[in-house]
N, C-alpha and C. Protein backbone atom coordinates (compact mmCIF):
# COMPACT_ATOMS: atom_id res chain seq x y z
N MET A 1 39.44 21.98 -56.20
CA MET A 1 39.75 21.60 -57.57
C MET A 1 38.55 20.87 -58.14
N GLU A 2 38.11 21.32 -59.29
CA GLU A 2 36.93 20.74 -59.92
C GLU A 2 37.32 19.53 -60.76
N ARG A 3 36.49 18.49 -60.65
CA ARG A 3 36.75 17.26 -61.39
C ARG A 3 36.18 17.39 -62.79
N LYS A 4 36.93 16.94 -63.78
CA LYS A 4 36.50 17.00 -65.17
C LYS A 4 35.50 15.86 -65.43
N VAL A 5 34.40 16.19 -66.08
CA VAL A 5 33.38 15.20 -66.42
C VAL A 5 33.83 14.44 -67.66
N THR A 6 33.88 13.13 -67.55
CA THR A 6 34.34 12.31 -68.66
C THR A 6 33.15 11.74 -69.44
N LYS A 7 33.45 11.14 -70.56
CA LYS A 7 32.42 10.52 -71.39
C LYS A 7 31.72 9.40 -70.61
N THR A 8 32.49 8.65 -69.84
CA THR A 8 31.93 7.56 -69.03
C THR A 8 30.94 8.12 -68.01
N ASP A 9 31.29 9.27 -67.40
CA ASP A 9 30.38 9.92 -66.45
C ASP A 9 29.06 10.31 -67.13
N ARG A 10 29.15 10.87 -68.35
CA ARG A 10 27.94 11.28 -69.07
C ARG A 10 27.06 10.08 -69.42
N ILE A 11 27.70 8.98 -69.82
CA ILE A 11 26.94 7.77 -70.15
C ILE A 11 26.24 7.23 -68.91
N ALA A 12 26.96 7.20 -67.79
CA ALA A 12 26.38 6.70 -66.53
C ALA A 12 25.21 7.59 -66.10
N THR A 13 25.37 8.91 -66.22
CA THR A 13 24.32 9.84 -65.86
C THR A 13 23.09 9.64 -66.75
N ASN A 14 23.32 9.47 -68.05
CA ASN A 14 22.21 9.25 -68.98
C ASN A 14 21.48 7.95 -68.66
N LYS A 15 22.22 6.88 -68.33
CA LYS A 15 21.58 5.61 -67.98
C LYS A 15 20.76 5.76 -66.71
N SER A 16 21.29 6.48 -65.71
CA SER A 16 20.56 6.71 -64.47
C SER A 16 19.29 7.50 -64.73
N ARG A 17 19.41 8.54 -65.57
CA ARG A 17 18.26 9.38 -65.90
C ARG A 17 17.18 8.53 -66.56
N LEU A 18 17.58 7.68 -67.52
CA LEU A 18 16.62 6.80 -68.19
C LEU A 18 15.97 5.84 -67.19
N LEU A 19 16.77 5.32 -66.27
CA LEU A 19 16.27 4.39 -65.26
C LEU A 19 15.23 5.07 -64.38
N PHE A 20 15.52 6.28 -63.93
CA PHE A 20 14.59 6.99 -63.06
C PHE A 20 13.35 7.50 -63.80
N GLU A 21 13.51 7.88 -65.06
CA GLU A 21 12.37 8.36 -65.84
C GLU A 21 11.34 7.27 -66.05
N ASN A 22 11.76 6.02 -66.12
CA ASN A 22 10.86 4.91 -66.35
C ASN A 22 10.21 4.38 -65.07
N MET A 23 10.57 4.94 -63.90
CA MET A 23 10.02 4.48 -62.63
C MET A 23 8.82 5.34 -62.24
N ASP A 24 7.85 4.70 -61.62
CA ASP A 24 6.74 5.49 -61.08
C ASP A 24 7.11 5.97 -59.68
N ARG A 25 6.23 6.72 -59.06
CA ARG A 25 6.50 7.34 -57.77
C ARG A 25 6.82 6.30 -56.68
N ALA A 26 6.09 5.21 -56.63
CA ALA A 26 6.29 4.17 -55.61
C ALA A 26 7.67 3.53 -55.76
N GLU A 27 8.08 3.28 -57.00
CA GLU A 27 9.40 2.68 -57.24
C GLU A 27 10.52 3.64 -56.84
N LEU A 28 10.31 4.93 -57.14
CA LEU A 28 11.31 5.94 -56.76
C LEU A 28 11.43 6.03 -55.23
N LEU A 29 10.29 6.01 -54.55
CA LEU A 29 10.32 6.06 -53.09
C LEU A 29 11.02 4.83 -52.51
N LYS A 30 10.74 3.66 -53.07
CA LYS A 30 11.39 2.43 -52.62
C LYS A 30 12.89 2.52 -52.85
N LYS A 31 13.29 3.03 -54.02
CA LYS A 31 14.72 3.20 -54.34
C LYS A 31 15.37 4.14 -53.33
N CYS A 32 14.68 5.24 -52.99
CA CYS A 32 15.22 6.19 -52.01
C CYS A 32 15.37 5.53 -50.64
N VAL A 33 14.37 4.76 -50.23
CA VAL A 33 14.43 4.07 -48.95
C VAL A 33 15.58 3.08 -48.94
N ASP A 34 15.75 2.33 -50.04
CA ASP A 34 16.85 1.36 -50.13
C ASP A 34 18.21 2.06 -50.06
N LEU A 35 18.33 3.18 -50.78
CA LEU A 35 19.58 3.93 -50.76
C LEU A 35 19.85 4.50 -49.36
N LYS A 36 18.81 5.00 -48.71
CA LYS A 36 18.95 5.53 -47.35
C LYS A 36 19.38 4.41 -46.39
N SER A 37 18.81 3.24 -46.56
CA SER A 37 19.17 2.09 -45.73
C SER A 37 20.63 1.71 -45.94
N ALA A 38 21.06 1.68 -47.20
CA ALA A 38 22.46 1.36 -47.51
C ALA A 38 23.40 2.41 -46.92
N LEU A 39 23.00 3.68 -47.01
CA LEU A 39 23.80 4.76 -46.45
C LEU A 39 23.90 4.63 -44.93
N ASP A 40 22.78 4.34 -44.26
CA ASP A 40 22.80 4.15 -42.80
C ASP A 40 23.71 3.00 -42.41
N LYS A 41 23.62 1.91 -43.17
CA LYS A 41 24.46 0.74 -42.89
C LYS A 41 25.95 1.11 -43.05
N ALA A 42 26.27 1.84 -44.12
CA ALA A 42 27.65 2.25 -44.35
C ALA A 42 28.14 3.18 -43.24
N GLN A 43 27.27 4.09 -42.78
CA GLN A 43 27.66 5.01 -41.70
C GLN A 43 27.87 4.25 -40.40
N THR A 44 27.04 3.25 -40.14
CA THR A 44 27.21 2.42 -38.95
C THR A 44 28.54 1.68 -39.01
N GLU A 45 28.86 1.17 -40.18
CA GLU A 45 30.13 0.45 -40.36
C GLU A 45 31.31 1.39 -40.17
N ILE A 46 31.20 2.60 -40.69
CA ILE A 46 32.26 3.60 -40.52
C ILE A 46 32.45 3.90 -39.04
N GLU A 47 31.36 4.07 -38.30
CA GLU A 47 31.45 4.34 -36.87
C GLU A 47 32.09 3.16 -36.12
N THR A 48 31.76 1.94 -36.55
CA THR A 48 32.37 0.76 -35.94
C THR A 48 33.87 0.78 -36.14
N TYR A 49 34.31 1.06 -37.37
CA TYR A 49 35.74 1.11 -37.67
C TYR A 49 36.41 2.28 -36.96
N ARG A 50 35.71 3.39 -36.84
CA ARG A 50 36.26 4.54 -36.11
C ARG A 50 36.48 4.16 -34.65
N GLY A 51 35.52 3.44 -34.07
CA GLY A 51 35.65 2.97 -32.69
C GLY A 51 36.82 2.02 -32.53
N LEU A 52 36.98 1.11 -33.51
CA LEU A 52 38.11 0.18 -33.46
C LEU A 52 39.44 0.91 -33.57
N LEU A 53 39.48 1.94 -34.40
CA LEU A 53 40.70 2.73 -34.54
C LEU A 53 41.04 3.43 -33.23
N ILE A 54 40.04 4.00 -32.58
CA ILE A 54 40.26 4.68 -31.30
C ILE A 54 40.72 3.67 -30.26
N LYS A 55 40.06 2.51 -30.23
CA LYS A 55 40.43 1.47 -29.27
C LYS A 55 41.86 0.99 -29.51
N SER A 56 42.24 0.79 -30.79
CA SER A 56 43.59 0.36 -31.12
C SER A 56 44.61 1.41 -30.72
N SER A 57 44.27 2.66 -30.96
CA SER A 57 45.17 3.75 -30.61
C SER A 57 45.36 3.82 -29.09
N GLN A 58 44.28 3.65 -28.33
CA GLN A 58 44.38 3.67 -26.88
C GLN A 58 45.21 2.48 -26.37
N GLU A 59 44.99 1.31 -26.98
CA GLU A 59 45.75 0.12 -26.59
C GLU A 59 47.24 0.33 -26.89
N TYR A 60 47.53 0.93 -28.04
CA TYR A 60 48.91 1.23 -28.42
C TYR A 60 49.55 2.14 -27.37
N GLN A 61 48.84 3.21 -26.97
CA GLN A 61 49.38 4.14 -25.99
C GLN A 61 49.56 3.47 -24.62
N ARG A 62 48.60 2.61 -24.24
CA ARG A 62 48.70 1.90 -22.97
C ARG A 62 49.92 1.00 -22.94
N LEU A 63 50.11 0.24 -24.02
CA LEU A 63 51.26 -0.67 -24.08
C LEU A 63 52.57 0.10 -24.14
N LYS A 64 52.55 1.20 -24.87
CA LYS A 64 53.76 1.99 -25.00
C LYS A 64 54.16 2.60 -23.66
N SER A 65 53.18 3.06 -22.91
CA SER A 65 53.49 3.66 -21.60
C SER A 65 53.91 2.59 -20.59
N LYS A 66 53.45 1.37 -20.79
CA LYS A 66 53.78 0.28 -19.87
C LYS A 66 55.22 -0.20 -20.07
N ASN A 67 55.78 0.06 -21.23
CA ASN A 67 57.11 -0.44 -21.57
C ASN A 67 58.07 0.70 -21.92
N PRO A 68 58.35 1.56 -20.96
CA PRO A 68 59.22 2.69 -21.28
C PRO A 68 60.68 2.30 -21.48
N ASP A 69 61.03 1.05 -21.16
CA ASP A 69 62.42 0.62 -21.28
C ASP A 69 62.92 0.59 -22.72
N ILE A 70 62.04 0.36 -23.66
CA ILE A 70 62.44 0.24 -25.05
C ILE A 70 62.11 1.54 -25.77
N THR A 71 63.14 2.21 -26.24
CA THR A 71 62.90 3.45 -26.98
C THR A 71 62.91 3.14 -28.47
N GLU A 72 62.20 3.96 -29.21
CA GLU A 72 62.13 3.75 -30.66
C GLU A 72 63.50 3.93 -31.31
N ALA A 73 64.37 4.68 -30.68
CA ALA A 73 65.70 4.92 -31.24
C ALA A 73 66.54 3.64 -31.24
N GLU A 74 66.35 2.78 -30.23
CA GLU A 74 67.16 1.57 -30.16
C GLU A 74 66.47 0.35 -30.77
N TYR A 75 65.19 0.45 -31.06
CA TYR A 75 64.44 -0.65 -31.66
C TYR A 75 64.40 -0.43 -33.17
N ASN A 76 64.80 -1.44 -33.92
CA ASN A 76 64.86 -1.30 -35.37
C ASN A 76 63.80 -2.19 -36.02
N LYS A 77 62.83 -1.57 -36.68
CA LYS A 77 61.76 -2.33 -37.33
C LYS A 77 62.27 -3.18 -38.49
N ALA A 78 63.44 -2.88 -38.99
CA ALA A 78 64.00 -3.63 -40.12
C ALA A 78 64.65 -4.94 -39.69
N TRP A 79 64.84 -5.14 -38.39
CA TRP A 79 65.42 -6.38 -37.91
C TRP A 79 64.53 -7.56 -38.27
N SER A 80 65.10 -8.73 -38.31
CA SER A 80 64.29 -9.94 -38.49
C SER A 80 63.48 -10.15 -37.21
N TRP A 81 62.42 -10.94 -37.32
CA TRP A 81 61.60 -11.21 -36.14
C TRP A 81 62.41 -11.92 -35.06
N VAL A 82 63.29 -12.79 -35.46
CA VAL A 82 64.13 -13.50 -34.48
C VAL A 82 64.98 -12.50 -33.72
N ASN A 83 65.59 -11.55 -34.42
CA ASN A 83 66.40 -10.52 -33.75
C ASN A 83 65.55 -9.66 -32.82
N LYS A 84 64.32 -9.38 -33.22
CA LYS A 84 63.43 -8.58 -32.37
C LYS A 84 63.11 -9.33 -31.08
N ILE A 85 62.89 -10.63 -31.18
CA ILE A 85 62.61 -11.44 -30.00
C ILE A 85 63.81 -11.45 -29.06
N VAL A 86 64.98 -11.67 -29.62
CA VAL A 86 66.21 -11.68 -28.82
C VAL A 86 66.42 -10.31 -28.17
N PHE A 87 66.19 -9.25 -28.92
CA PHE A 87 66.34 -7.90 -28.38
C PHE A 87 65.44 -7.69 -27.17
N VAL A 88 64.17 -8.09 -27.29
CA VAL A 88 63.23 -7.91 -26.17
C VAL A 88 63.67 -8.71 -24.95
N LEU A 89 64.09 -9.94 -25.16
CA LEU A 89 64.55 -10.75 -24.03
C LEU A 89 65.76 -10.11 -23.36
N LYS A 90 66.72 -9.62 -24.15
CA LYS A 90 67.90 -8.97 -23.58
C LYS A 90 67.52 -7.68 -22.86
N LYS A 91 66.63 -6.91 -23.45
CA LYS A 91 66.26 -5.62 -22.88
C LYS A 91 65.47 -5.78 -21.59
N ILE A 92 64.52 -6.72 -21.56
CA ILE A 92 63.69 -6.93 -20.38
C ILE A 92 64.47 -7.73 -19.33
N ASP A 93 65.38 -8.56 -19.79
CA ASP A 93 66.30 -9.31 -18.93
C ASP A 93 65.59 -10.25 -17.94
N ARG A 94 64.61 -10.97 -18.45
CA ARG A 94 63.96 -12.01 -17.66
C ARG A 94 63.23 -12.96 -18.61
N PRO A 95 63.00 -14.21 -18.19
CA PRO A 95 62.25 -15.15 -19.02
C PRO A 95 60.83 -14.62 -19.27
N LEU A 96 60.37 -14.74 -20.51
CA LEU A 96 59.06 -14.21 -20.88
C LEU A 96 58.19 -15.28 -21.53
N LEU A 97 56.90 -15.22 -21.26
CA LEU A 97 55.94 -16.03 -21.99
C LEU A 97 55.73 -15.39 -23.36
N SER A 98 55.22 -16.16 -24.30
CA SER A 98 54.99 -15.59 -25.64
C SER A 98 54.05 -14.38 -25.55
N SER A 99 53.04 -14.45 -24.68
CA SER A 99 52.10 -13.33 -24.53
C SER A 99 52.81 -12.07 -24.03
N GLU A 100 53.81 -12.25 -23.18
CA GLU A 100 54.56 -11.10 -22.68
C GLU A 100 55.45 -10.50 -23.76
N ILE A 101 56.07 -11.36 -24.56
CA ILE A 101 56.90 -10.86 -25.67
C ILE A 101 56.02 -10.07 -26.64
N ILE A 102 54.86 -10.62 -26.94
CA ILE A 102 53.92 -9.93 -27.84
C ILE A 102 53.53 -8.58 -27.25
N GLU A 103 53.26 -8.55 -25.97
CA GLU A 103 52.87 -7.31 -25.30
C GLU A 103 53.97 -6.25 -25.40
N PHE A 104 55.22 -6.67 -25.27
CA PHE A 104 56.32 -5.72 -25.36
C PHE A 104 56.59 -5.24 -26.78
N ILE A 105 56.38 -6.10 -27.77
CA ILE A 105 56.68 -5.75 -29.16
C ILE A 105 55.53 -5.00 -29.83
N THR A 106 54.31 -5.25 -29.41
CA THR A 106 53.13 -4.70 -30.07
C THR A 106 53.18 -3.19 -30.33
N PRO A 107 53.59 -2.35 -29.38
CA PRO A 107 53.59 -0.91 -29.66
C PRO A 107 54.49 -0.50 -30.83
N TYR A 108 55.44 -1.34 -31.18
CA TYR A 108 56.41 -0.98 -32.23
C TYR A 108 56.13 -1.69 -33.55
N GLU A 109 55.17 -2.59 -33.57
CA GLU A 109 54.90 -3.39 -34.76
C GLU A 109 53.44 -3.30 -35.19
N PRO A 110 53.14 -2.48 -36.20
CA PRO A 110 51.76 -2.35 -36.68
C PRO A 110 51.18 -3.68 -37.17
N VAL A 111 52.04 -4.55 -37.68
CA VAL A 111 51.57 -5.85 -38.17
C VAL A 111 50.87 -6.62 -37.06
N ILE A 112 51.44 -6.55 -35.87
CA ILE A 112 50.85 -7.26 -34.74
C ILE A 112 49.70 -6.46 -34.14
N GLN A 113 49.83 -5.14 -34.12
CA GLN A 113 48.79 -4.30 -33.52
C GLN A 113 47.43 -4.56 -34.15
N TYR A 114 47.40 -4.69 -35.45
CA TYR A 114 46.12 -4.81 -36.15
C TYR A 114 45.74 -6.25 -36.46
N SER A 115 46.48 -7.18 -35.92
CA SER A 115 46.16 -8.59 -36.11
C SER A 115 45.08 -9.02 -35.13
N HIS A 116 44.10 -9.76 -35.61
CA HIS A 116 43.03 -10.24 -34.73
C HIS A 116 43.53 -11.33 -33.80
N HIS A 117 44.47 -12.13 -34.26
CA HIS A 117 45.00 -13.24 -33.47
C HIS A 117 46.51 -13.05 -33.33
N ARG A 118 46.88 -12.22 -32.39
CA ARG A 118 48.29 -11.86 -32.21
C ARG A 118 49.17 -13.06 -31.94
N ALA A 119 48.70 -13.95 -31.07
CA ALA A 119 49.52 -15.10 -30.71
C ALA A 119 49.77 -16.00 -31.93
N GLN A 120 48.75 -16.19 -32.74
CA GLN A 120 48.93 -17.01 -33.95
C GLN A 120 49.87 -16.33 -34.93
N ALA A 121 49.74 -15.02 -35.07
CA ALA A 121 50.59 -14.28 -36.00
C ALA A 121 52.06 -14.33 -35.56
N PHE A 122 52.27 -14.42 -34.26
CA PHE A 122 53.62 -14.34 -33.71
C PHE A 122 54.25 -15.71 -33.48
N SER A 123 53.45 -16.74 -33.40
CA SER A 123 53.90 -18.09 -33.06
C SER A 123 55.00 -18.60 -33.98
N ALA A 124 54.85 -18.42 -35.26
CA ALA A 124 55.85 -18.91 -36.22
C ALA A 124 57.21 -18.27 -35.98
N ASN A 125 57.20 -17.01 -35.58
CA ASN A 125 58.46 -16.31 -35.32
C ASN A 125 59.16 -16.86 -34.09
N LEU A 126 58.41 -17.18 -33.07
CA LEU A 126 59.00 -17.80 -31.88
C LEU A 126 59.56 -19.18 -32.21
N THR A 127 58.83 -19.92 -33.02
CA THR A 127 59.30 -21.25 -33.44
C THR A 127 60.62 -21.15 -34.19
N LYS A 128 60.74 -20.15 -35.07
CA LYS A 128 61.99 -19.95 -35.80
C LYS A 128 63.13 -19.60 -34.85
N ALA A 129 62.86 -18.74 -33.89
CA ALA A 129 63.89 -18.34 -32.92
C ALA A 129 64.41 -19.55 -32.16
N VAL A 130 63.51 -20.47 -31.80
CA VAL A 130 63.91 -21.69 -31.09
C VAL A 130 64.66 -22.61 -32.05
N LYS A 131 64.15 -22.77 -33.27
CA LYS A 131 64.76 -23.65 -34.27
C LYS A 131 66.20 -23.21 -34.60
N TYR A 132 66.42 -21.91 -34.68
CA TYR A 132 67.75 -21.39 -35.01
C TYR A 132 68.65 -21.27 -33.78
N HIS A 133 68.18 -21.77 -32.64
CA HIS A 133 68.93 -21.79 -31.38
C HIS A 133 69.31 -20.40 -30.89
N ARG A 134 68.49 -19.42 -31.20
CA ARG A 134 68.72 -18.07 -30.68
C ARG A 134 68.10 -17.93 -29.29
N VAL A 135 66.98 -18.63 -29.09
CA VAL A 135 66.34 -18.65 -27.77
C VAL A 135 65.94 -20.10 -27.48
N ARG A 136 65.55 -20.34 -26.24
CA ARG A 136 65.13 -21.68 -25.87
C ARG A 136 63.77 -21.62 -25.22
N ALA A 137 62.91 -22.55 -25.58
CA ALA A 137 61.60 -22.66 -24.93
C ALA A 137 61.84 -23.46 -23.65
N TYR A 138 61.58 -22.86 -22.52
CA TYR A 138 61.86 -23.48 -21.23
C TYR A 138 60.54 -23.79 -20.53
N LYS A 139 60.32 -25.06 -20.23
CA LYS A 139 59.09 -25.49 -19.56
C LYS A 139 59.33 -25.46 -18.06
N LEU A 140 58.58 -24.61 -17.38
CA LEU A 140 58.65 -24.54 -15.93
C LEU A 140 57.65 -25.55 -15.38
N PRO A 141 58.11 -26.50 -14.56
CA PRO A 141 57.18 -27.51 -14.03
C PRO A 141 55.97 -26.87 -13.33
N GLY A 142 54.80 -27.36 -13.70
CA GLY A 142 53.57 -26.86 -13.08
C GLY A 142 52.97 -25.64 -13.74
N SER A 143 53.63 -25.12 -14.77
CA SER A 143 53.09 -23.94 -15.44
C SER A 143 52.58 -24.32 -16.84
N ARG A 144 51.68 -23.51 -17.32
CA ARG A 144 51.14 -23.74 -18.65
C ARG A 144 51.98 -22.97 -19.66
N GLY A 145 52.34 -23.59 -20.74
CA GLY A 145 53.11 -22.91 -21.77
C GLY A 145 54.60 -22.91 -21.48
N TYR A 146 55.31 -22.18 -22.31
CA TYR A 146 56.76 -22.13 -22.22
C TYR A 146 57.21 -20.71 -21.94
N TYR A 147 58.30 -20.63 -21.22
CA TYR A 147 59.00 -19.37 -21.07
C TYR A 147 60.11 -19.36 -22.10
N TYR A 148 60.34 -18.23 -22.71
CA TYR A 148 61.42 -18.13 -23.69
C TYR A 148 62.60 -17.46 -23.01
N VAL A 149 63.76 -18.12 -23.12
CA VAL A 149 64.96 -17.67 -22.42
C VAL A 149 66.13 -17.65 -23.39
N LEU A 150 67.13 -16.87 -23.03
CA LEU A 150 68.38 -16.88 -23.79
C LEU A 150 69.26 -18.02 -23.26
N HIS A 151 70.08 -18.58 -24.12
CA HIS A 151 70.93 -19.70 -23.72
C HIS A 151 71.89 -19.32 -22.60
N SER A 152 72.30 -18.07 -22.57
CA SER A 152 73.23 -17.63 -21.51
C SER A 152 72.58 -17.63 -20.13
N TRP A 153 71.27 -17.78 -20.06
CA TRP A 153 70.58 -17.81 -18.78
C TRP A 153 70.46 -19.23 -18.22
N LEU A 154 70.98 -20.20 -18.95
CA LEU A 154 70.89 -21.60 -18.54
C LEU A 154 72.22 -22.08 -17.98
N ASP A 155 72.16 -23.03 -17.05
CA ASP A 155 73.40 -23.61 -16.54
C ASP A 155 73.86 -24.74 -17.46
N ALA A 156 74.90 -25.44 -17.08
CA ALA A 156 75.47 -26.51 -17.90
C ALA A 156 74.50 -27.66 -18.13
N HIS A 157 73.53 -27.84 -17.24
CA HIS A 157 72.55 -28.93 -17.35
C HIS A 157 71.28 -28.52 -18.09
N GLY A 158 71.28 -27.30 -18.61
CA GLY A 158 70.11 -26.83 -19.34
C GLY A 158 69.00 -26.30 -18.46
N GLN A 159 69.29 -26.09 -17.18
CA GLN A 159 68.30 -25.56 -16.25
C GLN A 159 68.49 -24.05 -16.11
N LEU A 160 67.42 -23.37 -15.85
CA LEU A 160 67.47 -21.93 -15.67
C LEU A 160 68.25 -21.61 -14.39
N THR A 161 69.15 -20.65 -14.46
CA THR A 161 69.93 -20.27 -13.29
C THR A 161 69.00 -19.67 -12.23
N LYS A 162 69.42 -19.73 -10.99
CA LYS A 162 68.61 -19.22 -9.88
C LYS A 162 68.27 -17.73 -10.07
N GLU A 163 69.26 -16.99 -10.58
CA GLU A 163 69.05 -15.55 -10.80
C GLU A 163 67.85 -15.31 -11.72
N TYR A 164 67.79 -16.04 -12.84
CA TYR A 164 66.70 -15.83 -13.80
C TYR A 164 65.42 -16.54 -13.39
N GLU A 165 65.52 -17.62 -12.63
CA GLU A 165 64.32 -18.28 -12.14
C GLU A 165 63.58 -17.36 -11.17
N ALA A 166 64.33 -16.58 -10.41
CA ALA A 166 63.73 -15.64 -9.46
C ALA A 166 63.01 -14.49 -10.18
N LYS A 167 63.36 -14.24 -11.44
CA LYS A 167 62.76 -13.15 -12.20
C LYS A 167 61.43 -13.53 -12.86
N ILE A 168 61.05 -14.80 -12.80
CA ILE A 168 59.79 -15.23 -13.41
C ILE A 168 58.64 -14.72 -12.55
N PHE A 169 57.71 -14.01 -13.15
CA PHE A 169 56.61 -13.41 -12.41
C PHE A 169 55.54 -14.41 -12.01
N PHE A 170 55.19 -15.31 -12.91
CA PHE A 170 54.05 -16.21 -12.67
C PHE A 170 54.53 -17.62 -12.41
N LYS A 171 54.77 -17.95 -11.16
CA LYS A 171 55.23 -19.30 -10.82
C LYS A 171 54.07 -20.09 -10.26
């Protein structure tokens, strides 16, 4: 499909023609070199972004293959973040660190996939889940950070039951 030439296009072309007509050979060569340099820079940037896209796609596939337990049919992107966190905890059925929750949710959430700082992007959602008493941040003595657990996994004293304590991978 051919593009229609507008009045603005004709004015821009005429200005460019006047600009180039007033330049001598050295100025034209310099302009060409500058334009070539800008084009090379743009192509390098495009290649960088293409590489990032390939890397993101590979990471997405790696994470997706690592978590076959969650199917797209049962995961609903329209859920609130708090519901998504609770869903992952129920589905995986063990206490998880925030990094593990992020790892499980990432294949299904483009917002997190393309975030440079996934933990920061996700932190507020975990805080809300704890604030609304949907999950509990559980500090395991001697470990760094918190494990996120469902309240049903705790005993009457607020301690993790033996069954779920045994499911923690990094003690």
